[in-house]
Amino acid sequence: MFIGLLLKSVDIRNMRIVNLVENEIGKTKCEAAHGLSFYVESESHKLLFDTSPSDLLLQNAKMLGVDLTKVDTVILSHGHYDHSGGMMAFCAVNHDARIYMQRLSLGEYYAFDGVDKGFRYIGTDKRIRSLPNVVLLDGDAKIDEELCLFTVDKRVFPLPSANNRLKELRSGEYVADDFRHEQNLLLSLDGKKILFCGCAHNGILNVLHSLEEKFSVLPDAVIGGFHLMKKSGLGDSDIAEIKEIAERLRAYKTRFFTCHCTGLDAFSLMKEILGDNLSYVHSGDEVEL
């Protein structure tokens, strides 16, 4: 296995990474919501990785001094509303940014909320289909020397059990979501590799395995959610699952910055194992590499 450099800090010039929206309120006055949006400023790009569940990203961006009119690239990690719900609000203030999304992210995605509530639509806003700047992808894509998008083609580790309630409506039937609509971003800058994942529905271990298989590298830093949160709380099997994932992540010489669907309970369990190599990013936080 290829292992990157041990990171106490990663010196990357000309980069700014700001969380515009996630589940938890941090030290700033930014509001929180169940969802995700990161603003990333590099040498060549000003980009959004996901757009949160609503127009809240506009409010928080203004508070954080982020000019969304200057964004040139939007990456949609997958076809769920909590990552794409702010897209139309963003496009109302920025007409020029190119939007990269998997074609399959336009599918019919649902969450099963129990026998009393049934299935709830959690897919993207249908209006996104007609946006003129959308680039629909069918798998991996290299945007330029800084930005590469990739999907998970082969899974060697189990999927997160928190996926079990997530479905896709196909031919009138609810079937297990296979998350082929999920993509990840590899950002290369100053010789460093930064991996952004929205929810890692395919499993963070599978995402890392796919990255190594496709690029022959592992990241200096990973930023995003790991989809380990459960509304009903964590049972014994959940705790065992989370600890096993953390133990495997400990083998990587990588800094992990997590948030959103990882959940605070899972984060605490993983923190005990990963220590300083794991940090939580709150709404409004700036990621210090």
Protein backbone atom coordinates (compact mmCIF):
# COMPACT_ATOMS: atom_id res chain seq x y z
CA MET A 1 0.00 0.00 0.00
CA PHE A 2 1.28 3.48 -0.88
CA ILE A 3 1.36 5.72 2.20
CA GLY A 4 1.73 9.48 2.06
CA LEU A 5 3.75 11.71 4.39
CA LEU A 6 2.88 11.86 8.07
CA LEU A 7 1.03 15.11 8.65
CA LYS A 8 1.23 17.32 11.67
CA SER A 9 0.49 20.23 9.36
CA VAL A 10 0.24 20.51 5.58
CA ASP A 11 1.81 23.61 4.11
CA ILE A 12 -0.27 24.48 1.09
CA ARG A 13 0.11 28.01 -0.19
CA ASN A 14 -2.64 29.96 -1.90
CA MET A 15 -5.44 27.79 -0.54
CA ARG A 16 -8.47 28.59 1.57
CA ILE A 17 -11.04 26.01 2.64
CA VAL A 18 -14.15 27.24 4.43
CA ASN A 19 -17.19 25.30 5.55
CA LEU A 20 -20.22 27.35 4.55
CA VAL A 21 -22.85 25.00 5.97
CA GLU A 22 -22.89 21.80 7.98
CA ASN A 23 -24.90 20.33 10.85
CA GLU A 24 -23.24 21.92 13.87
CA ILE A 25 -22.74 25.54 14.93
CA GLY A 26 -19.11 26.47 15.57
CA LYS A 27 -17.40 29.56 16.98
CA THR A 28 -18.64 31.84 14.20
CA LYS A 29 -22.15 33.26 14.01
CA CYS A 30 -22.95 31.14 10.99
CA GLU A 31 -26.15 29.11 11.15
CA ALA A 32 -26.10 25.33 10.83
CA ALA A 33 -28.33 22.93 8.92
CA HIS A 34 -28.33 19.25 8.01
CA GLY A 35 -26.28 19.36 4.85
CA LEU A 36 -22.92 20.33 3.47
CA SER A 37 -21.16 23.01 1.47
CA PHE A 38 -17.46 23.86 1.29
CA TYR A 39 -15.86 26.87 -0.40
CA VAL A 40 -12.38 26.14 -1.74
CA GLU A 41 -10.00 28.77 -3.07
CA SER A 42 -6.86 27.53 -4.84
CA GLU A 43 -4.33 28.92 -7.30
CA SER A 44 -6.61 28.34 -10.29
CA HIS A 45 -10.12 28.07 -8.89
CA LYS A 46 -12.77 29.39 -6.59
CA LEU A 47 -15.12 26.48 -6.19
CA LEU A 48 -18.03 25.11 -4.22
CA PHE A 49 -18.09 21.50 -3.18
CA ASP A 50 -21.83 20.96 -2.65
CA THR A 51 -24.36 23.73 -2.04
CA SER A 52 -26.05 22.87 1.31
CA PRO A 53 -29.78 22.13 1.68
CA SER A 54 -31.01 25.68 1.05
CA ASP A 55 -30.10 29.30 0.41
CA LEU A 56 -28.39 29.34 3.81
CA LEU A 57 -25.05 29.12 2.00
CA LEU A 58 -25.62 32.66 0.66
CA GLN A 59 -26.16 34.06 4.14
CA ASN A 60 -23.18 32.27 5.66
CA ALA A 61 -20.92 33.06 2.71
CA LYS A 62 -21.60 36.78 3.13
CA MET A 63 -20.84 36.57 6.85
CA LEU A 64 -17.56 34.76 6.12
CA GLY A 65 -16.43 37.17 3.42
CA VAL A 66 -16.84 34.66 0.59
CA ASP A 67 -17.90 36.23 -2.72
CA LEU A 68 -20.01 33.59 -4.44
CA THR A 69 -20.18 35.65 -7.63
CA LYS A 70 -16.49 34.81 -8.17
CA VAL A 71 -16.99 31.03 -8.00
CA ASP A 72 -16.03 29.38 -11.31
CA THR A 73 -16.72 25.71 -10.50
CA VAL A 74 -19.36 23.79 -8.55
CA ILE A 75 -18.96 20.10 -7.72
CA LEU A 76 -22.08 18.21 -6.68
CA SER A 77 -20.99 15.13 -4.74
CA HIS A 78 -24.23 13.16 -5.15
CA GLY A 79 -27.94 13.42 -5.81
CA HIS A 80 -29.33 14.28 -2.36
CA TYR A 81 -31.09 17.53 -1.44
CA ASP A 82 -28.92 18.29 1.60
CA HIS A 83 -25.96 18.71 -0.76
CA SER A 84 -27.76 20.31 -3.69
CA GLY A 85 -30.69 22.27 -2.23
CA GLY A 86 -28.88 25.60 -2.44
CA MET A 87 -28.05 25.22 -6.13
CA MET A 88 -30.84 27.39 -7.50
CA ALA A 89 -30.14 30.15 -4.95
CA PHE A 90 -26.47 30.06 -5.92
CA CYS A 91 -27.29 30.19 -9.65
CA ALA A 92 -29.44 33.26 -9.04
CA VAL A 93 -26.29 35.19 -8.03
CA ASN A 94 -23.77 33.38 -10.23
CA HIS A 95 -24.70 32.62 -13.84
CA ASP A 96 -21.28 31.55 -15.09
CA ALA A 97 -19.91 28.77 -12.86
CA ARG A 98 -19.74 25.32 -14.44
CA ILE A 99 -21.58 22.67 -12.46
CA TYR A 100 -20.18 19.14 -12.52
CA MET A 101 -22.47 16.31 -11.45
CA GLN A 102 -22.96 12.65 -12.25
CA ARG A 103 -25.83 12.04 -14.67
CA LEU A 104 -27.21 9.47 -12.23
CA SER A 105 -27.51 12.13 -9.52
CA LEU A 106 -30.71 13.23 -11.28
CA GLY A 107 -32.39 9.97 -10.24
CA GLU A 108 -35.29 9.39 -7.85
CA TYR A 109 -33.79 9.03 -4.38
CA TYR A 110 -35.73 8.47 -1.16
CA ALA A 111 -35.26 7.82 2.55
CA PHE A 112 -37.45 5.35 4.42
CA ASP A 113 -38.61 7.10 7.60
CA GLY A 114 -40.41 4.10 9.12
CA VAL A 115 -43.73 2.37 8.61
CA ASP A 116 -45.68 5.37 9.92
CA LYS A 117 -44.07 7.99 7.66
CA GLY A 118 -43.03 5.86 4.69
CA PHE A 119 -40.72 7.09 1.93
CA ARG A 120 -39.53 10.71 1.68
CA TYR A 121 -38.03 12.22 -1.47
CA ILE A 122 -34.45 13.34 -0.80
CA GLY A 123 -33.29 13.84 -4.39
CA THR A 124 -32.19 16.97 -6.20
CA ASP A 125 -34.37 19.90 -7.21
CA LYS A 126 -35.83 18.99 -10.61
CA ARG A 127 -34.98 22.47 -11.93
CA ILE A 128 -31.27 21.63 -11.82
CA ARG A 129 -31.79 19.49 -14.93
CA SER A 130 -32.36 22.59 -17.07
CA LEU A 131 -29.49 24.77 -15.82
CA PRO A 132 -27.39 25.81 -18.84
CA ASN A 133 -24.01 25.38 -17.14
CA VAL A 134 -24.52 21.81 -15.94
CA VAL A 135 -21.97 19.24 -17.11
CA LEU A 136 -23.39 15.73 -16.73
CA LEU A 137 -20.74 13.07 -16.18
CA ASP A 138 -20.78 9.32 -16.59
CA GLY A 139 -17.97 8.33 -14.26
CA ASP A 140 -14.51 9.80 -13.73
CA ALA A 141 -13.45 13.12 -15.20
CA LYS A 142 -10.30 15.23 -15.17
CA ILE A 143 -11.24 18.90 -15.17
CA ASP A 144 -7.66 20.21 -15.21
CA GLU A 145 -4.32 19.69 -13.46
CA GLU A 146 -5.82 20.73 -10.11
CA LEU A 147 -9.21 19.02 -10.17
CA CYS A 148 -10.08 15.38 -10.80
CA LEU A 149 -13.41 13.72 -10.11
CA PHE A 150 -13.73 9.99 -9.52
CA THR A 151 -16.34 7.43 -8.58
CA VAL A 152 -16.10 4.14 -6.71
CA ASP A 153 -16.23 1.26 -9.17
CA LYS A 154 -15.22 -1.58 -6.86
CA ARG A 155 -15.96 -2.05 -3.17
CA VAL A 156 -13.66 -4.13 -1.02
CA PHE A 157 -15.08 -2.98 2.33
CA PRO A 158 -18.70 -3.05 3.57
CA LEU A 159 -20.96 -0.07 2.93
CA PRO A 160 -21.92 2.04 5.96
CA SER A 161 -24.94 0.45 7.64
CA ALA A 162 -26.47 3.94 7.85
CA ASN A 163 -27.16 3.55 4.12
CA ASN A 164 -29.80 0.88 4.74
CA ARG A 165 -32.75 3.30 4.82
CA LEU A 166 -31.75 5.02 1.57
CA LYS A 167 -33.55 3.91 -1.59
CA GLU A 168 -33.93 4.63 -5.27
CA LEU A 169 -37.27 4.48 -7.05
CA ARG A 170 -36.84 2.40 -10.21
CA SER A 171 -39.70 1.21 -12.40
CA GLY A 172 -42.16 1.88 -9.59
CA GLU A 173 -40.22 -0.06 -6.95
CA TYR A 174 -38.03 1.14 -4.08
CA VAL A 175 -34.66 -0.60 -4.28
CA ALA A 176 -31.44 -0.17 -2.34
CA ASP A 177 -29.49 2.87 -3.53
CA ASP A 178 -26.24 1.67 -5.11
CA PHE A 179 -24.65 5.16 -4.93
CA ARG A 180 -23.32 5.10 -8.44
CA HIS A 181 -24.37 8.76 -8.47
CA GLU A 182 -21.66 9.67 -5.94
CA GLN A 183 -18.40 11.31 -6.96
CA ASN A 184 -15.37 12.55 -5.04
CA LEU A 185 -12.94 15.38 -5.72
CA LEU A 186 -9.16 15.05 -5.71
CA LEU A 187 -7.51 18.46 -5.52
CA SER A 188 -3.79 18.63 -6.33
CA LEU A 189 -1.86 21.71 -5.25
CA ASP A 190 1.77 22.39 -4.27
CA GLY A 191 2.52 18.70 -4.52
CA LYS A 192 -0.20 17.83 -2.00
CA LYS A 193 -3.38 15.82 -2.53
CA ILE A 194 -6.63 16.82 -0.84
CA LEU A 195 -9.64 14.49 -1.06
CA PHE A 196 -13.16 15.91 -0.70
CA CYS A 197 -16.04 13.49 -0.13
CA GLY A 198 -19.64 14.56 0.39
CA CYS A 199 -21.00 11.66 2.45
CA ALA A 200 -18.80 8.73 1.43
CA HIS A 201 -21.93 6.62 1.00
CA ASN A 202 -19.68 4.10 -0.75
CA GLY A 203 -17.66 3.89 2.46
CA ILE A 204 -14.65 6.08 3.21
CA LEU A 205 -12.40 3.00 3.08
CA ASN A 206 -13.67 2.17 -0.41
CA VAL A 207 -13.19 5.79 -1.49
CA LEU A 208 -9.57 5.70 -0.32
CA HIS A 209 -9.03 2.32 -1.99
CA SER A 210 -10.44 3.64 -5.29
CA LEU A 211 -8.25 6.73 -5.08
CA GLU A 212 -5.16 4.58 -4.68
CA GLU A 213 -6.22 2.20 -7.47
CA LYS A 214 -6.93 5.00 -9.95
CA PHE A 215 -4.22 7.55 -9.12
CA SER A 216 -1.55 5.52 -7.27
CA VAL A 217 -1.62 8.05 -4.45
CA LEU A 218 -3.24 8.52 -1.08
CA PRO A 219 -4.29 11.94 0.18
CA ASP A 220 -2.47 14.22 2.57
CA ALA A 221 -5.87 15.29 3.88
CA VAL A 222 -9.48 14.06 3.63
CA ILE A 223 -12.38 16.47 4.09
CA GLY A 224 -16.04 15.46 4.28
CA GLY A 225 -18.69 13.26 5.85
CA PHE A 226 -18.42 9.51 6.47
CA HIS A 227 -22.14 8.71 6.81
CA LEU A 228 -22.05 6.98 10.19
CA MET A 229 -24.86 8.92 11.90
CA LYS A 230 -28.05 7.12 12.92
CA LYS A 231 -31.23 8.89 13.99
CA SER A 232 -32.04 6.13 16.46
CA GLY A 233 -28.64 6.37 18.14
CA LEU A 234 -25.71 4.00 18.03
CA GLY A 235 -26.13 0.37 19.05
CA ASP A 236 -23.40 -2.11 19.84
CA SER A 237 -23.01 -3.19 16.21
CA ASP A 238 -22.79 0.45 15.10
CA ILE A 239 -20.09 1.18 17.64
CA ALA A 240 -18.13 -1.86 16.50
CA GLU A 241 -18.48 -0.76 12.86
CA ILE A 242 -17.26 2.76 13.61
CA LYS A 243 -14.29 1.57 15.65
CA GLU A 244 -13.23 -0.84 12.92
CA ILE A 245 -13.32 1.94 10.32
CA ALA A 246 -11.28 4.21 12.60
CA GLU A 247 -8.72 1.47 13.21
CA ARG A 248 -8.28 1.01 9.47
CA LEU A 249 -8.01 4.76 8.92
CA ARG A 250 -5.27 4.89 11.54
CA ALA A 251 -3.01 3.02 9.10
CA TYR A 252 -3.08 6.02 6.76
CA LYS A 253 -0.61 8.88 7.27
CA THR A 254 -3.43 11.33 6.54
CA ARG A 255 -5.21 14.17 8.32
CA PHE A 256 -8.99 13.65 8.43
CA PHE A 257 -11.43 16.57 8.71
CA THR A 258 -14.98 15.32 9.08
CA CYS A 259 -18.44 16.79 9.59
CA HIS A 260 -22.12 16.48 8.62
CA CYS A 261 -23.29 12.86 8.34
CA THR A 262 -20.46 11.40 10.41
CA GLY A 263 -22.32 12.60 13.50
CA LEU A 264 -20.87 13.79 16.79
CA ASP A 265 -21.26 10.41 18.51
CA ALA A 266 -19.33 8.60 15.79
CA PHE A 267 -16.76 11.40 15.69
CA SER A 268 -16.10 11.00 19.43
CA LEU A 269 -15.54 7.26 19.02
CA MET A 270 -13.20 7.78 16.09
CA LYS A 271 -11.35 10.59 17.87
CA GLU A 272 -10.37 8.19 20.64
CA ILE A 273 -8.59 6.06 18.04
CA LEU A 274 -7.32 8.65 15.55
CA GLY A 275 -6.39 11.40 18.02
CA ASP A 276 -4.91 14.53 16.47
CA ASN A 277 -5.29 13.11 12.96
CA LEU A 278 -9.06 13.63 13.17
CA SER A 279 -10.79 17.02 13.50
CA TYR A 280 -14.41 18.16 13.30
CA VAL A 281 -15.32 21.03 10.96
CA HIS A 282 -18.31 23.09 12.15
CA SER A 283 -20.49 25.45 10.16
CA GLY A 284 -18.40 28.54 9.47
CA ASP A 285 -15.06 26.90 10.35
CA GLU A 286 -11.99 27.41 8.21
CA VAL A 287 -9.95 24.25 7.67
CA GLU A 288 -6.38 24.86 8.79
CA LEU A 289 -4.00 22.69 6.78
